[in-house]
Every structure is written in structure tokens, then in C-alpha cells.
Amino acid sequence: MFGSLNQSIQNIQNSETRVSEIIDITLRTRTLILMNSNQSYMSGNASLYNITIADLVESATQLNEA
């Protein structure tokens, strides 16, 4: 009985993690779209672009692991 309860709790926690990562991926994707639409902004903020890409990859990895 407790094994089933523990598994249910783990499933809920994994679901919350997946939702959080999906929200994060959506935010970072929209950020990249905005950055790409303004090339003059991009030329001065390449490091921010690279950080956003790295964060997007990390979120996708976390989503995959959950």
C-alpha cells in the first residue's frame, strides 16, 4: 500500500517538474523569438542569447529526465 502511495507522490512531483520545464521552455523560446526579431539588439547581446540557448537546452534535458 505504501509503495503505491509513494509512487503516486513521485508521479505528482514528476508531473509538476514537467509542467514547470514546459513553462520555462515556452518563456525562453519567446525570449529568443523577440531577440531574433531585433537584430540590432542581438548584435550587442550575443552572450545573453547564448545563455538563453543554454538555459533552453537545460530545461529540455530536465523535461526529458522527468
Protein backbone atom coordinates (compact mmCIF):
# COMPACT_ATOMS: atom_id res chain seq x y z
CA MET A 1 0.00 0.00 0.00
CA PHE A 2 2.74 2.49 0.92
CA GLY A 3 4.67 1.61 -2.22
CA SER A 4 1.67 2.60 -4.29
CA LEU A 5 1.25 5.83 -2.32
CA ASN A 6 4.94 6.68 -2.69
CA GLN A 7 4.75 6.02 -6.42
CA SER A 8 1.69 8.28 -6.71
CA ILE A 9 3.51 11.07 -4.87
CA GLN A 10 6.54 10.64 -7.12
CA ASN A 11 4.29 10.78 -10.20
CA ILE A 12 2.76 14.04 -8.97
CA GLN A 13 6.19 15.54 -8.32
CA ASN A 14 7.40 14.48 -11.77
CA SER A 15 4.28 15.98 -13.33
CA GLU A 16 4.90 19.28 -11.55
CA THR A 17 8.50 19.24 -12.79
CA ARG A 18 7.37 18.62 -16.37
CA VAL A 19 4.86 21.48 -16.25
CA SER A 20 7.49 23.80 -14.80
CA GLU A 21 10.01 22.90 -17.50
CA ILE A 22 7.40 23.33 -20.27
CA ILE A 23 6.62 26.81 -18.94
CA ASP A 24 10.34 27.59 -18.82
CA ILE A 25 10.88 26.34 -22.38
CA THR A 26 7.96 28.48 -23.58
CA LEU A 27 9.39 31.57 -21.87
CA ARG A 28 12.88 31.05 -23.26
CA THR A 29 11.55 30.35 -26.76
CA ARG A 30 9.55 33.58 -26.72
CA THR A 31 12.62 35.43 -25.48
CA LEU A 32 14.66 34.07 -28.39
CA ILE A 33 11.93 35.00 -30.86
CA LEU A 34 11.94 38.57 -29.57
CA MET A 35 15.72 38.71 -29.64
CA ASN A 36 15.83 37.39 -33.21
CA SER A 37 13.24 39.90 -34.37
CA ASN A 38 15.50 42.77 -33.32
CA GLN A 39 18.88 42.20 -34.97
CA SER A 40 20.36 45.43 -33.64
CA TYR A 41 19.62 44.19 -30.11
CA MET A 42 21.21 40.85 -30.92
CA SER A 43 24.50 42.34 -32.10
CA GLY A 44 25.17 43.80 -28.65
CA ASN A 45 23.81 40.92 -26.59
CA ALA A 46 25.28 37.75 -28.04
CA SER A 47 26.21 36.48 -24.58
CA LEU A 48 22.59 36.84 -23.40
CA TYR A 49 21.49 34.92 -26.48
CA ASN A 50 23.97 32.12 -25.74
CA ILE A 51 22.91 31.97 -22.09
CA THR A 52 19.27 31.74 -23.12
CA ILE A 53 20.08 28.91 -25.55
CA ALA A 54 22.00 27.07 -22.82
CA ASP A 55 19.10 27.50 -20.39
CA LEU A 56 16.67 26.25 -23.03
CA VAL A 57 18.76 23.13 -23.57
CA GLU A 58 18.96 22.56 -19.80
CA SER A 59 15.18 22.87 -19.47
CA ALA A 60 14.67 20.40 -22.30
CA THR A 61 17.05 17.99 -20.61
CA GLN A 62 15.23 18.32 -17.29
CA LEU A 63 11.92 17.77 -19.04
CA ASN A 64 13.25 14.64 -20.68
CA GLU A 65 14.53 13.30 -17.36
CA ALA A 66 11.22 13.94 -15.59
